[in-house]
Amino acid sequence: MVTIEQKLTLFSKLLHQDIKQEIDNKMIELDKEYEQKILKDKKSADKAAETIIQNAVKRAEAKKTELISKGKMSSKREMMLAKERYITTFIENLKRKIRVFTQTEAYKAYLGQYLNQFKDLNGYENDLIIYMTQLDYNNHKEYVKEKLISLGLNGEKLSFQITDDSILGGIIVEDPKLNMRIDTSIAALIQDSKGYIIESVFGAIGEVGEILE
C-alpha cells in the first residue's frame, strides 16, 4: 500500500517535471523570439546603414559636381580675365607704338591720306574748330589747314585748338553752330575697331593654345 509520504514524493516529482518542461518550452520560445528580434534589428540596421551610405554617396557626388562646376566657372572667369588683361596690354602697346609713329615723317604721309575723308565737306559754310594734339598742332597745323583748303573748305572758317593727347593723332572736327562733332581721331579709330582687335587677338590666342597642346 502506497503511503501518503510516497504519494507526496511522487506528486512533487511530477510537479517538478511539469515545471521543468514548461520552463524549457518557455526558453525555446524566448530563444526563437530573441533570434527573430535580432534578425529584425539586423535588417533595420542594414537598411539604415545602406541609407546612410547612399546619402553619403549622393552628397559626395553632389559635392563633386559642385566643385567641378565651380572649377569650370573659376577657369572660365580666370580665362576671361586673362584675355581682358591681354587685350588691355595689347591696346596699351599699340598706343605706345602710335605715339612713336606720330613723330615720324611717315605719319605726315598718313595724314595726307587720312584727311581725304573730309572731301565731302567741300564748300561747307559754317565755322569749324579743328582739335589736334599738342604735337600735331606744333608740327602739322599748317599742313592740315592747307590740305583741308585743297579739299574745298574755306580757310577763314577754320580755327585750330589743342586737345588732350589721349586722341593720339588725327583730328576732331566740331561745328559749334550745329553742335556737331566728328571724331576721326586715331583713339576713336581704335575704339571703333576694338571688336575686330579682340577677335583677332582671341583668334591668335586660340592658335597658340592649339600649338601648345
Protein backbone atom coordinates (compact mmCIF):
# COMPACT_ATOMS: atom_id res chain seq x y z
CA MET A 1 0.00 0.00 0.00
CA VAL A 2 1.29 3.38 -1.02
CA THR A 3 1.81 5.64 1.86
CA ILE A 4 0.90 9.29 1.99
CA GLU A 5 4.58 10.16 2.09
CA GLN A 6 5.21 8.21 -1.09
CA LYS A 7 2.25 9.91 -2.77
CA LEU A 8 3.61 13.33 -1.81
CA THR A 9 7.03 12.42 -3.14
CA LEU A 10 5.54 11.21 -6.44
CA PHE A 11 3.37 14.31 -6.72
CA SER A 12 6.37 16.52 -6.01
CA LYS A 13 8.38 14.72 -8.69
CA LEU A 14 5.63 15.07 -11.30
CA LEU A 15 5.15 18.73 -10.44
CA HIS A 16 8.89 19.32 -10.77
CA GLN A 17 8.87 17.65 -14.20
CA ASP A 18 5.93 19.79 -15.36
CA ILE A 19 7.59 22.95 -14.18
CA LYS A 20 10.87 21.98 -15.85
CA GLN A 21 9.06 21.18 -19.13
CA GLU A 22 7.22 24.46 -19.01
CA ILE A 23 10.45 26.33 -18.32
CA ASP A 24 12.18 24.51 -21.19
CA ASN A 25 9.34 25.34 -23.57
CA LYS A 26 9.40 28.93 -22.43
CA MET A 27 13.13 29.15 -23.01
CA ILE A 28 12.73 27.75 -26.53
CA GLU A 29 10.06 30.36 -27.27
CA LEU A 30 12.26 33.09 -25.86
CA ASP A 31 15.20 31.90 -27.93
CA LYS A 32 13.07 31.97 -31.09
CA GLU A 33 11.69 35.38 -30.23
CA TYR A 34 15.17 36.67 -29.48
CA GLU A 35 16.51 35.31 -32.79
CA GLN A 36 13.64 36.95 -34.69
CA LYS A 37 14.28 40.23 -32.87
CA ILE A 38 17.98 40.02 -33.69
CA LEU A 39 17.17 39.27 -37.35
CA LYS A 40 14.70 42.14 -37.46
CA ASP A 41 17.17 44.51 -35.79
CA LYS A 42 19.89 43.36 -38.19
CA LYS A 43 17.68 44.09 -41.22
CA SER A 44 16.80 47.51 -39.79
CA ALA A 45 20.46 48.19 -39.08
CA ASP A 46 21.45 47.03 -42.56
CA LYS A 47 18.77 49.19 -44.14
CA ALA A 48 19.79 52.19 -42.04
CA ALA A 49 23.43 51.63 -42.95
CA GLU A 50 22.55 51.31 -46.63
CA THR A 51 20.54 54.54 -46.44
CA ILE A 52 23.43 56.32 -44.72
CA ILE A 53 25.86 55.06 -47.38
CA GLN A 54 23.53 56.07 -50.23
CA ASN A 55 23.05 59.53 -48.75
CA ALA A 56 26.80 59.86 -48.25
CA VAL A 57 27.41 58.85 -51.88
CA LYS A 58 24.77 61.30 -53.09
CA ARG A 59 26.30 64.10 -51.00
CA ALA A 60 29.75 63.18 -52.29
CA GLU A 61 28.51 63.19 -55.91
CA ALA A 62 26.70 66.50 -55.36
CA LYS A 63 29.85 67.97 -53.80
CA LYS A 64 31.93 66.62 -56.65
CA THR A 65 29.55 68.13 -59.21
CA GLU A 66 29.56 71.42 -57.29
CA LEU A 67 33.36 71.50 -57.15
CA ILE A 68 33.66 70.64 -60.85
CA SER A 69 31.09 73.33 -61.70
CA LYS A 70 32.89 75.89 -59.53
CA GLY A 71 36.18 74.82 -61.05
CA LYS A 72 34.85 75.30 -64.58
CA MET A 73 33.34 78.68 -63.67
CA SER A 74 36.57 79.72 -61.99
CA SER A 75 38.60 78.58 -65.00
CA LYS A 76 36.31 80.45 -67.40
CA ARG A 77 36.42 83.55 -65.22
CA GLU A 78 40.21 83.37 -64.99
CA MET A 79 40.43 82.82 -68.75
CA MET A 80 38.23 85.85 -69.42
CA LEU A 81 40.23 87.99 -67.01
CA ALA A 82 43.46 86.81 -68.64
CA LYS A 83 42.07 87.66 -72.08
CA GLU A 84 40.89 91.07 -70.88
CA ARG A 85 44.33 91.77 -69.43
CA TYR A 86 45.92 90.63 -72.68
CA ILE A 87 43.64 92.90 -74.73
CA THR A 88 44.36 95.86 -72.40
CA THR A 89 48.10 95.21 -72.66
CA PHE A 90 47.86 94.83 -76.43
CA ILE A 91 45.99 98.13 -76.84
CA GLU A 92 48.37 99.97 -74.50
CA ASN A 93 51.33 98.68 -76.51
CA LEU A 94 49.53 99.71 -79.71
CA LYS A 95 49.03 103.22 -78.33
CA ARG A 96 52.71 103.47 -77.43
CA LYS A 97 53.69 102.46 -80.96
CA ILE A 98 51.25 105.02 -82.41
CA ARG A 99 52.75 107.79 -80.26
CA VAL A 100 56.17 106.89 -81.64
CA PHE A 101 54.72 106.76 -85.17
CA THR A 102 53.22 110.27 -84.88
CA GLN A 103 56.74 111.63 -84.51
CA THR A 104 57.91 110.25 -87.86
CA GLU A 105 57.74 111.55 -91.45
CA ALA A 106 55.59 108.53 -92.33
CA TYR A 107 52.88 109.97 -90.08
CA LYS A 108 52.72 113.15 -92.20
CA ALA A 109 52.14 110.98 -95.28
CA TYR A 110 49.43 109.14 -93.31
CA LEU A 111 47.77 112.48 -92.50
CA GLY A 112 47.69 113.35 -96.19
CA GLN A 113 45.72 110.20 -96.99
CA TYR A 114 43.68 110.38 -93.80
CA LEU A 115 42.38 113.91 -94.45
CA ASN A 116 40.90 112.91 -97.81
CA GLN A 117 37.85 111.66 -95.92
CA PHE A 118 36.81 115.30 -95.41
CA LYS A 119 36.37 115.98 -99.15
CA ASP A 120 32.60 115.70 -98.62
CA LEU A 121 32.82 118.98 -96.63
CA ASN A 122 33.67 120.81 -99.85
CA GLY A 123 32.03 124.27 -99.69
CA TYR A 124 30.94 123.87 -96.06
CA GLU A 125 29.65 127.27 -94.91
CA ASN A 126 29.76 127.12 -91.11
CA ASP A 127 32.79 127.80 -88.95
CA LEU A 128 34.71 124.70 -87.93
CA ILE A 129 37.00 124.07 -84.98
CA ILE A 130 39.79 121.58 -85.64
CA TYR A 131 41.12 119.85 -82.50
CA MET A 132 44.64 118.39 -82.58
CA THR A 133 47.21 117.03 -80.16
CA GLN A 134 49.93 119.40 -78.97
CA LEU A 135 52.46 117.57 -81.14
CA ASP A 136 50.32 117.78 -84.28
CA TYR A 137 49.48 121.41 -83.58
CA ASN A 138 53.19 122.23 -83.37
CA ASN A 139 54.30 120.13 -86.34
CA HIS A 140 51.38 119.75 -88.75
CA LYS A 141 48.85 122.53 -88.18
CA GLU A 142 49.68 124.42 -91.39
CA TYR A 143 49.91 121.21 -93.40
CA VAL A 144 46.46 120.09 -92.18
CA LYS A 145 44.98 123.53 -92.90
CA GLU A 146 46.38 123.58 -96.45
CA LYS A 147 45.12 120.04 -97.07
CA LEU A 148 41.59 120.91 -95.90
CA ILE A 149 41.58 124.05 -98.05
CA SER A 150 42.65 121.95 -101.05
CA LEU A 151 39.61 119.74 -100.38
CA GLY A 152 37.28 122.74 -100.74
CA LEU A 153 36.97 124.10 -97.19
CA ASN A 154 37.17 127.84 -96.53
CA GLY A 155 40.41 128.55 -94.64
CA GLU A 156 38.88 131.63 -92.99
CA LYS A 157 36.23 129.44 -91.36
CA LEU A 158 38.81 127.09 -89.86
CA SER A 159 40.22 127.55 -86.35
CA PHE A 160 42.62 125.20 -84.58
CA GLN A 161 42.76 124.23 -80.93
CA ILE A 162 44.89 121.88 -78.86
CA THR A 163 43.12 118.98 -77.16
CA ASP A 164 44.06 116.13 -74.86
CA ASP A 165 46.86 113.94 -76.18
CA SER A 166 44.68 110.90 -75.47
CA ILE A 167 43.27 111.24 -79.00
CA LEU A 168 46.76 110.03 -80.11
CA GLY A 169 46.60 111.67 -83.51
CA GLY A 170 44.31 112.71 -86.35
CA ILE A 171 41.72 115.43 -85.81
CA ILE A 172 38.31 116.11 -84.30
CA VAL A 173 36.07 118.49 -86.26
CA GLU A 174 33.40 120.50 -84.46
CA ASP A 175 30.65 122.76 -85.79
CA PRO A 176 29.63 124.97 -82.79
CA LYS A 177 26.59 126.35 -84.63
CA LEU A 178 25.05 122.92 -85.24
CA ASN A 179 26.54 121.43 -82.07
CA MET A 180 28.03 118.76 -84.33
CA ARG A 181 31.23 116.88 -83.51
CA ILE A 182 33.02 114.49 -85.84
CA ASP A 183 35.63 112.44 -84.00
CA THR A 184 38.01 110.92 -86.53
CA SER A 185 40.98 110.72 -84.16
CA ILE A 186 43.19 107.64 -84.02
CA ALA A 187 41.86 106.92 -80.50
CA ALA A 188 38.31 106.83 -81.91
CA LEU A 189 39.50 104.56 -84.72
CA ILE A 190 40.96 102.14 -82.17
CA GLN A 191 37.74 102.22 -80.14
CA ASP A 192 35.64 101.55 -83.25
CA SER A 193 37.95 98.70 -84.19
CA LYS A 194 38.06 97.16 -80.71
CA GLY A 195 35.73 94.32 -81.69
CA TYR A 196 37.99 93.40 -84.60
CA ILE A 197 41.08 93.72 -82.41
CA ILE A 198 39.57 91.42 -79.74
CA GLU A 199 38.50 88.87 -82.35
CA SER A 200 41.96 88.90 -83.94
CA VAL A 201 43.79 88.64 -80.61
CA PHE A 202 41.49 85.87 -79.31
CA GLY A 203 41.99 84.03 -82.60
CA ALA A 204 45.75 84.31 -82.18
CA ILE A 205 45.48 83.10 -78.56
CA GLY A 206 43.44 80.12 -79.77
CA GLU A 207 46.02 79.21 -82.41
CA VAL A 208 48.82 79.47 -79.84
CA GLY A 209 46.80 77.29 -77.46
CA GLU A 210 46.37 74.63 -80.16
CA ILE A 211 50.10 74.68 -80.87
CA LEU A 212 50.94 74.38 -77.17
CA GLU A 213 48.53 71.48 -76.78
